[in-house]
């Protein structure tokens, strides 16, 4: 459920990113789980938000760029 940061020489360390489904307030898992969408006319919406989470101890934390990416596949019935 925690995305890693994009690695680079200037990347932060000891942090990750979690995505939250704002319809259910659940953390998004990347194991093929289905999530409800809100219909919007002929389409659908799934409001997501991203949050940084600390994964390391004080001695392993490093300031820097904290970029990440996630890919989603949507299937409409």
PDB file of N, CA and C in Angstrom:
ATOM      1  N   UNK A   1       0.812  -1.206   0.000  1.00  0.00           N
ATOM      2  CA  UNK A   1       0.000   0.000   0.000  1.00  0.00           C
ATOM      3  C   UNK A   1       0.849   1.262   0.000  1.00  0.00           C
ATOM      4  N   UNK A   2       2.156   1.133   0.226  1.00  0.00           N
ATOM      5  CA  UNK A   2       3.022   2.306   0.256  1.00  0.00           C
ATOM      6  C   UNK A   2       3.870   2.334  -1.005  1.00  0.00           C
ATOM      7  N   UNK A   3       3.764   3.426  -1.749  1.00  0.00           N
ATOM      8  CA  UNK A   3       4.569   3.614  -2.948  1.00  0.00           C
ATOM      9  C   UNK A   3       5.938   4.133  -2.555  1.00  0.00           C
ATOM     10  N   UNK A   4       6.953   3.660  -3.234  1.00  0.00           N
ATOM     11  CA  UNK A   4       8.296   4.164  -2.966  1.00  0.00           C
ATOM     12  C   UNK A   4       8.508   5.452  -3.753  1.00  0.00           C
ATOM     13  N   UNK A   5       9.445   6.255  -3.285  1.00  0.00           N
ATOM     14  CA  UNK A   5       9.781   7.487  -3.980  1.00  0.00           C
ATOM     15  C   UNK A   5      10.664   7.174  -5.175  1.00  0.00           C
ATOM     16  N   UNK A   6      10.586   8.019  -6.211  1.00  0.00           N
ATOM     17  CA  UNK A   6      11.455   7.846  -7.370  1.00  0.00           C
ATOM     18  C   UNK A   6      12.899   8.043  -6.925  1.00  0.00           C
ATOM     19  N   UNK A   7      13.757   7.064  -7.172  1.00  0.00           N
ATOM     20  CA  UNK A   7      15.143   7.175  -6.706  1.00  0.00           C
ATOM     21  C   UNK A   7      15.969   8.152  -7.551  1.00  0.00           C
ATOM     22  N   UNK A   8      16.726   8.956  -6.881  1.00  0.00           N
ATOM     23  CA  UNK A   8      17.696   9.841  -7.533  1.00  0.00           C
ATOM     24  C   UNK A   8      18.709  10.257  -6.472  1.00  0.00           C
ATOM     25  N   UNK A   9      19.746  10.920  -6.894  1.00  0.00           N
ATOM     26  CA  UNK A   9      20.780  11.366  -5.954  1.00  0.00           C
ATOM     27  C   UNK A   9      20.238  12.392  -4.963  1.00  0.00           C
ATOM     28  N   UNK A  10      19.136  13.074  -5.341  1.00  0.00           N
ATOM     29  CA  UNK A  10      18.571  14.115  -4.470  1.00  0.00           C
ATOM     30  C   UNK A  10      17.259  13.685  -3.818  1.00  0.00           C
ATOM     31  N   UNK A  11      16.914  12.407  -3.886  1.00  0.00           N
ATOM     32  CA  UNK A  11      15.651  11.919  -3.317  1.00  0.00           C
ATOM     33  C   UNK A  11      15.677  11.900  -1.790  1.00  0.00           C
ATOM     34  N   UNK A  12      14.516  12.178  -1.215  1.00  0.00           N
ATOM     35  CA  UNK A  12      14.347  12.010   0.226  1.00  0.00           C
ATOM     36  C   UNK A  12      14.450  10.530   0.554  1.00  0.00           C
ATOM     37  N   UNK A  13      14.762  10.218   1.789  1.00  0.00           N
ATOM     38  CA  UNK A  13      14.829   8.821   2.228  1.00  0.00           C
ATOM     39  C   UNK A  13      14.046   8.670   3.524  1.00  0.00           C
ATOM     40  N   UNK A  14      13.436   7.491   3.693  1.00  0.00           N
ATOM     41  CA  UNK A  14      12.675   7.202   4.901  1.00  0.00           C
ATOM     42  C   UNK A  14      11.209   7.595   4.800  1.00  0.00           C
ATOM     43  N   UNK A  15      10.746   7.875   3.569  1.00  0.00           N
ATOM     44  CA  UNK A  15       9.358   8.276   3.346  1.00  0.00           C
ATOM     45  C   UNK A  15       8.763   7.468   2.205  1.00  0.00           C
ATOM     46  N   UNK A  16       7.436   7.391   2.169  1.00  0.00           N
ATOM     47  CA  UNK A  16       6.712   6.766   1.082  1.00  0.00           C
ATOM     48  C   UNK A  16       5.432   7.538   0.846  1.00  0.00           C
ATOM     49  N   UNK A  17       4.640   7.081  -0.123  1.00  0.00           N
ATOM     50  CA  UNK A  17       3.392   7.757  -0.478  1.00  0.00           C
ATOM     51  C   UNK A  17       2.257   6.743  -0.409  1.00  0.00           C
ATOM     52  N   UNK A  18       1.155   7.120   0.217  1.00  0.00           N
ATOM     53  CA  UNK A  18      -0.062   6.303   0.190  1.00  0.00           C
ATOM     54  C   UNK A  18      -1.155   7.087  -0.516  1.00  0.00           C
ATOM     55  N   UNK A  19      -1.984   6.359  -1.248  1.00  0.00           N
ATOM     56  CA  UNK A  19      -3.133   6.954  -1.925  1.00  0.00           C
ATOM     57  C   UNK A  19      -4.383   6.595  -1.123  1.00  0.00           C
ATOM     58  N   UNK A  20      -5.276   7.569  -0.965  1.00  0.00           N
ATOM     59  CA  UNK A  20      -6.525   7.373  -0.233  1.00  0.00           C
ATOM     60  C   UNK A  20      -7.690   7.540  -1.196  1.00  0.00           C
ATOM     61  N   UNK A  21      -8.624   6.576  -1.173  1.00  0.00           N
ATOM     62  CA  UNK A  21      -9.879   6.702  -1.916  1.00  0.00           C
ATOM     63  C   UNK A  21     -10.792   7.576  -1.063  1.00  0.00           C
ATOM     64  N   UNK A  22     -11.073   8.779  -1.514  1.00  0.00           N
ATOM     65  CA  UNK A  22     -11.849   9.717  -0.713  1.00  0.00           C
ATOM     66  C   UNK A  22     -13.337   9.347  -0.603  1.00  0.00           C
ATOM     67  N   UNK A  23     -13.808   8.429  -1.442  1.00  0.00           N
ATOM     68  CA  UNK A  23     -15.199   7.957  -1.306  1.00  0.00           C
ATOM     69  C   UNK A  23     -15.356   7.056  -0.089  1.00  0.00           C
ATOM     70  N   UNK A  24     -14.332   6.235   0.172  1.00  0.00           N
ATOM     71  CA  UNK A  24     -14.420   5.261   1.269  1.00  0.00           C
ATOM     72  C   UNK A  24     -13.445   5.569   2.403  1.00  0.00           C
ATOM     73  N   UNK A  25     -12.535   6.507   2.164  1.00  0.00           N
ATOM     74  CA  UNK A  25     -11.475   6.864   3.130  1.00  0.00           C
ATOM     75  C   UNK A  25     -10.566   5.677   3.430  1.00  0.00           C
ATOM     76  N   UNK A  26     -10.419   4.780   2.460  1.00  0.00           N
ATOM     77  CA  UNK A  26      -9.544   3.626   2.605  1.00  0.00           C
ATOM     78  C   UNK A  26      -8.247   3.852   1.843  1.00  0.00           C
ATOM     79  N   UNK A  27      -7.163   3.271   2.355  1.00  0.00           N
ATOM     80  CA  UNK A  27      -5.883   3.291   1.651  1.00  0.00           C
ATOM     81  C   UNK A  27      -6.000   2.372   0.437  1.00  0.00           C
ATOM     82  N   UNK A  28      -5.544   2.856  -0.711  1.00  0.00           N
ATOM     83  CA  UNK A  28      -5.594   2.070  -1.947  1.00  0.00           C
ATOM     84  C   UNK A  28      -4.510   0.997  -1.896  1.00  0.00           C
ATOM     85  N   UNK A  29      -4.922  -0.241  -2.210  1.00  0.00           N
ATOM     86  CA  UNK A  29      -3.986  -1.367  -2.293  1.00  0.00           C
ATOM     87  C   UNK A  29      -3.716  -1.631  -3.779  1.00  0.00           C
ATOM     88  N   UNK A  30      -2.559  -2.153  -4.074  1.00  0.00           N
ATOM     89  CA  UNK A  30      -2.174  -2.404  -5.463  1.00  0.00           C
ATOM     90  C   UNK A  30      -2.115  -3.895  -5.731  1.00  0.00           C
ATOM     91  N   UNK A  31      -3.208  -4.574  -5.360  1.00  0.00           N
ATOM     92  CA  UNK A  31      -3.266  -6.028  -5.525  1.00  0.00           C
ATOM     93  C   UNK A  31      -4.464  -6.460  -6.361  1.00  0.00           C
ATOM     94  N   UNK A  32      -5.001  -5.537  -7.145  1.00  0.00           N
ATOM     95  CA  UNK A  32      -6.155  -5.856  -7.980  1.00  0.00           C
ATOM     96  C   UNK A  32      -7.484  -5.640  -7.294  1.00  0.00           C
ATOM     97  N   UNK A  33      -7.489  -5.073  -6.091  1.00  0.00           N
ATOM     98  CA  UNK A  33      -8.732  -4.818  -5.360  1.00  0.00           C
ATOM     99  C   UNK A  33      -9.620  -3.855  -6.152  1.00  0.00           C
ATOM    100  N   UNK A  34     -10.934  -4.064  -6.076  1.00  0.00           N
ATOM    101  CA  UNK A  34     -11.899  -3.193  -6.743  1.00  0.00           C
ATOM    102  C   UNK A  34     -12.301  -2.066  -5.789  1.00  0.00           C
ATOM    103  N   UNK A  35     -12.546  -0.891  -6.353  1.00  0.00           N
ATOM    104  CA  UNK A  35     -12.959   0.260  -5.557  1.00  0.00           C
ATOM    105  C   UNK A  35     -14.178   0.903  -6.196  1.00  0.00           C
ATOM    106  N   UNK A  36     -15.129   1.344  -5.367  1.00  0.00           N
ATOM    107  CA  UNK A  36     -16.328   1.965  -5.922  1.00  0.00           C
ATOM    108  C   UNK A  36     -16.001   3.312  -6.563  1.00  0.00           C
ATOM    109  N   UNK A  37     -16.758   3.622  -7.618  1.00  0.00           N
ATOM    110  CA  UNK A  37     -16.636   4.918  -8.276  1.00  0.00           C
ATOM    111  C   UNK A  37     -17.976   5.628  -8.184  1.00  0.00           C
ATOM    112  N   UNK A  38     -17.959   6.936  -8.265  1.00  0.00           N
ATOM    113  CA  UNK A  38     -19.179   7.743  -8.241  1.00  0.00           C
ATOM    114  C   UNK A  38     -19.539   8.095  -9.678  1.00  0.00           C
ATOM    115  N   UNK A  39     -20.758   7.722 -10.083  1.00  0.00           N
ATOM    116  CA  UNK A  39     -21.185   8.014 -11.449  1.00  0.00           C
ATOM    117  C   UNK A  39     -21.296   9.514 -11.648  1.00  0.00           C
ATOM    118  N   UNK A  40     -20.875   9.954 -12.836  1.00  0.00           N
ATOM    119  CA  UNK A  40     -20.944  11.366 -13.213  1.00  0.00           C
ATOM    120  C   UNK A  40     -21.360  11.431 -14.675  1.00  0.00           C
ATOM    121  N   UNK A  41     -22.674  11.449 -14.916  1.00  0.00           N
ATOM    122  CA  UNK A  41     -23.177  11.420 -16.289  1.00  0.00           C
ATOM    123  C   UNK A  41     -22.848  10.096 -16.941  1.00  0.00           C
ATOM    124  N   UNK A  42     -22.150  10.147 -18.070  1.00  0.00           N
ATOM    125  CA  UNK A  42     -21.754   8.930 -18.778  1.00  0.00           C
ATOM    126  C   UNK A  42     -20.414   8.389 -18.287  1.00  0.00           C
ATOM    127  N   UNK A  43     -19.845   9.019 -17.289  1.00  0.00           N
ATOM    128  CA  UNK A  43     -18.554   8.593 -16.779  1.00  0.00           C
ATOM    129  C   UNK A  43     -18.626   8.251 -15.305  1.00  0.00           C
ATOM    130  N   UNK A  44     -17.486   8.229 -14.683  1.00  0.00           N
ATOM    131  CA  UNK A  44     -17.394   7.923 -13.265  1.00  0.00           C
ATOM    132  C   UNK A  44     -16.205   8.677 -12.674  1.00  0.00           C
ATOM    133  N   UNK A  45     -16.261   8.939 -11.381  1.00  0.00           N
ATOM    134  CA  UNK A  45     -15.173   9.620 -10.678  1.00  0.00           C
ATOM    135  C   UNK A  45     -14.709   8.759  -9.515  1.00  0.00           C
ATOM    136  N   UNK A  46     -13.437   8.775  -9.275  1.00  0.00           N
ATOM    137  CA  UNK A  46     -12.886   8.149  -8.081  1.00  0.00           C
ATOM    138  C   UNK A  46     -11.895   9.167  -7.508  1.00  0.00           C
ATOM    139  N   UNK A  47     -12.339   9.923  -6.511  1.00  0.00           N
ATOM    140  CA  UNK A  47     -11.464  10.951  -5.957  1.00  0.00           C
ATOM    141  C   UNK A  47     -10.345  10.333  -5.116  1.00  0.00           C
ATOM    142  N   UNK A  48      -9.112  10.661  -5.474  1.00  0.00           N
ATOM    143  CA  UNK A  48      -7.946  10.135  -4.783  1.00  0.00           C
ATOM    144  C   UNK A  48      -7.133  11.280  -4.199  1.00  0.00           C
ATOM    145  N   UNK A  49      -6.499  11.008  -3.096  1.00  0.00           N
ATOM    146  CA  UNK A  49      -5.551  11.965  -2.528  1.00  0.00           C
ATOM    147  C   UNK A  49      -4.287  11.205  -2.155  1.00  0.00           C
ATOM    148  N   UNK A  50      -3.168  11.911  -2.163  1.00  0.00           N
ATOM    149  CA  UNK A  50      -1.882  11.306  -1.834  1.00  0.00           C
ATOM    150  C   UNK A  50      -1.362  11.898  -0.538  1.00  0.00           C
ATOM    151  N   UNK A  51      -0.738  11.053   0.280  1.00  0.00           N
ATOM    152  CA  UNK A  51      -0.194  11.488   1.556  1.00  0.00           C
ATOM    153  C   UNK A  51       1.198  10.878   1.723  1.00  0.00           C
ATOM    154  N   UNK A  52       2.116  11.669   2.229  1.00  0.00           N
ATOM    155  CA  UNK A  52       3.446  11.147   2.557  1.00  0.00           C
ATOM    156  C   UNK A  52       3.377  10.461   3.914  1.00  0.00           C
ATOM    157  N   UNK A  53       4.065   9.345   4.028  1.00  0.00           N
ATOM    158  CA  UNK A  53       4.149   8.633   5.301  1.00  0.00           C
ATOM    159  C   UNK A  53       5.614   8.373   5.624  1.00  0.00           C
ATOM    160  N   UNK A  54       5.909   8.467   6.877  1.00  0.00           N
ATOM    161  CA  UNK A  54       7.271   8.219   7.356  1.00  0.00           C
ATOM    162  C   UNK A  54       7.461   6.717   7.496  1.00  0.00           C
ATOM    163  N   UNK A  55       8.568   6.205   6.983  1.00  0.00           N
ATOM    164  CA  UNK A  55       8.856   4.780   7.076  1.00  0.00           C
ATOM    165  C   UNK A  55      10.124   4.505   7.852  1.00  0.00           C
ATOM    166  N   UNK A  56      10.924   5.499   8.080  1.00  0.00           N
ATOM    167  CA  UNK A  56      12.213   5.267   8.707  1.00  0.00           C
ATOM    168  C   UNK A  56      12.315   5.876  10.087  1.00  0.00           C
ATOM    169  N   UNK A  57      13.421   5.578  10.742  1.00  0.00           N
ATOM    170  CA  UNK A  57      13.739   6.149  12.043  1.00  0.00           C
ATOM    171  C   UNK A  57      14.495   7.452  11.813  1.00  0.00           C
ATOM    172  N   UNK A  58      14.618   8.260  12.848  1.00  0.00           N
ATOM    173  CA  UNK A  58      15.279   9.560  12.721  1.00  0.00           C
ATOM    174  C   UNK A  58      16.616   9.466  12.006  1.00  0.00           C
ATOM    175  N   UNK A  59      17.401   8.452  12.313  1.00  0.00           N
ATOM    176  CA  UNK A  59      18.737   8.354  11.730  1.00  0.00           C
ATOM    177  C   UNK A  59      18.724   7.957  10.257  1.00  0.00           C
ATOM    178  N   UNK A  60      17.583   7.471   9.724  1.00  0.00           N
ATOM    179  CA  UNK A  60      17.512   7.075   8.319  1.00  0.00           C
ATOM    180  C   UNK A  60      16.798   8.099   7.450  1.00  0.00           C
ATOM    181  N   UNK A  61      16.277   9.172   8.055  1.00  0.00           N
ATOM    182  CA  UNK A  61      15.554  10.180   7.285  1.00  0.00           C
ATOM    183  C   UNK A  61      16.525  11.119   6.594  1.00  0.00           C
ATOM    184  N   UNK A  62      16.165  11.489   5.356  1.00  0.00           N
ATOM    185  CA  UNK A  62      16.982  12.427   4.594  1.00  0.00           C
ATOM    186  C   UNK A  62      16.052  13.322   3.795  1.00  0.00           C
ATOM    187  N   UNK A  63      16.261  14.632   3.900  1.00  0.00           N
ATOM    188  CA  UNK A  63      15.463  15.587   3.134  1.00  0.00           C
ATOM    189  C   UNK A  63      15.831  15.486   1.658  1.00  0.00           C
ATOM    190  N   UNK A  64      14.868  15.804   0.790  1.00  0.00           N
ATOM    191  CA  UNK A  64      15.141  15.791  -0.640  1.00  0.00           C
ATOM    192  C   UNK A  64      13.858  15.732  -1.431  1.00  0.00           C
ATOM    193  N   UNK A  65      13.982  15.481  -2.714  1.00  0.00           N
ATOM    194  CA  UNK A  65      12.818  15.375  -3.599  1.00  0.00           C
ATOM    195  C   UNK A  65      11.983  14.164  -3.197  1.00  0.00           C
ATOM    196  N   UNK A  66      10.674  14.327  -3.215  1.00  0.00           N
ATOM    197  CA  UNK A  66       9.775  13.236  -2.807  1.00  0.00           C
ATOM    198  C   UNK A  66       8.732  13.005  -3.895  1.00  0.00           C
ATOM    199  N   UNK A  67       9.200  12.559  -5.051  1.00  0.00           N
ATOM    200  CA  UNK A  67       8.327  12.313  -6.199  1.00  0.00           C
ATOM    201  C   UNK A  67       7.995  10.834  -6.296  1.00  0.00           C
ATOM    202  N   UNK A  68       6.800  10.542  -6.787  1.00  0.00           N
ATOM    203  CA  UNK A  68       6.379   9.163  -6.978  1.00  0.00           C
ATOM    204  C   UNK A  68       5.348   9.090  -8.083  1.00  0.00           C
ATOM    205  N   UNK A  69       5.010   7.896  -8.510  1.00  0.00           N
ATOM    206  CA  UNK A  69       4.019   7.705  -9.561  1.00  0.00           C
ATOM    207  C   UNK A  69       3.271   6.409  -9.318  1.00  0.00           C
ATOM    208  N   UNK A  70       2.016   6.390  -9.756  1.00  0.00           N
ATOM    209  CA  UNK A  70       1.191   5.182  -9.668  1.00  0.00           C
ATOM    210  C   UNK A  70       0.408   5.064 -10.967  1.00  0.00           C
ATOM    211  N   UNK A  71       0.203   3.842 -11.416  1.00  0.00           N
ATOM    212  CA  UNK A  71      -0.563   3.591 -12.616  1.00  0.00           C
ATOM    213  C   UNK A  71      -1.821   2.830 -12.251  1.00  0.00           C
ATOM    214  N   UNK A  72      -2.963   3.288 -12.765  1.00  0.00           N
ATOM    215  CA  UNK A  72      -4.243   2.657 -12.455  1.00  0.00           C
ATOM    216  C   UNK A  72      -4.910   2.196 -13.747  1.00  0.00           C
ATOM    217  N   UNK A  73      -5.601   1.068 -13.654  1.00  0.00           N
ATOM    218  CA  UNK A  73      -6.419   0.569 -14.760  1.00  0.00           C
ATOM    219  C   UNK A  73      -7.869   0.597 -14.307  1.00  0.00           C
ATOM    220  N   UNK A  74      -8.718   1.213 -15.118  1.00  0.00           N
ATOM    221  CA  UNK A  74     -10.137   1.322 -14.774  1.00  0.00           C
ATOM    222  C   UNK A  74     -10.956   0.456 -15.707  1.00  0.00           C
ATOM    223  N   UNK A  75     -11.888  -0.298 -15.133  1.00  0.00           N
ATOM    224  CA  UNK A  75     -12.799  -1.135 -15.896  1.00  0.00           C
ATOM    225  C   UNK A  75     -14.222  -0.685 -15.582  1.00  0.00           C
ATOM    226  N   UNK A  76     -14.965  -0.301 -16.617  1.00  0.00           N
ATOM    227  CA  UNK A  76     -16.344   0.131 -16.437  1.00  0.00           C
ATOM    228  C   UNK A  76     -17.288  -0.991 -16.829  1.00  0.00           C
ATOM    229  N   UNK A  77     -18.291  -1.220 -15.990  1.00  0.00           N
ATOM    230  CA  UNK A  77     -19.253  -2.294 -16.320  1.00  0.00           C
ATOM    231  C   UNK A  77     -20.110  -1.926 -17.522  1.00  0.00           C
TER     232      UNK A  77
END
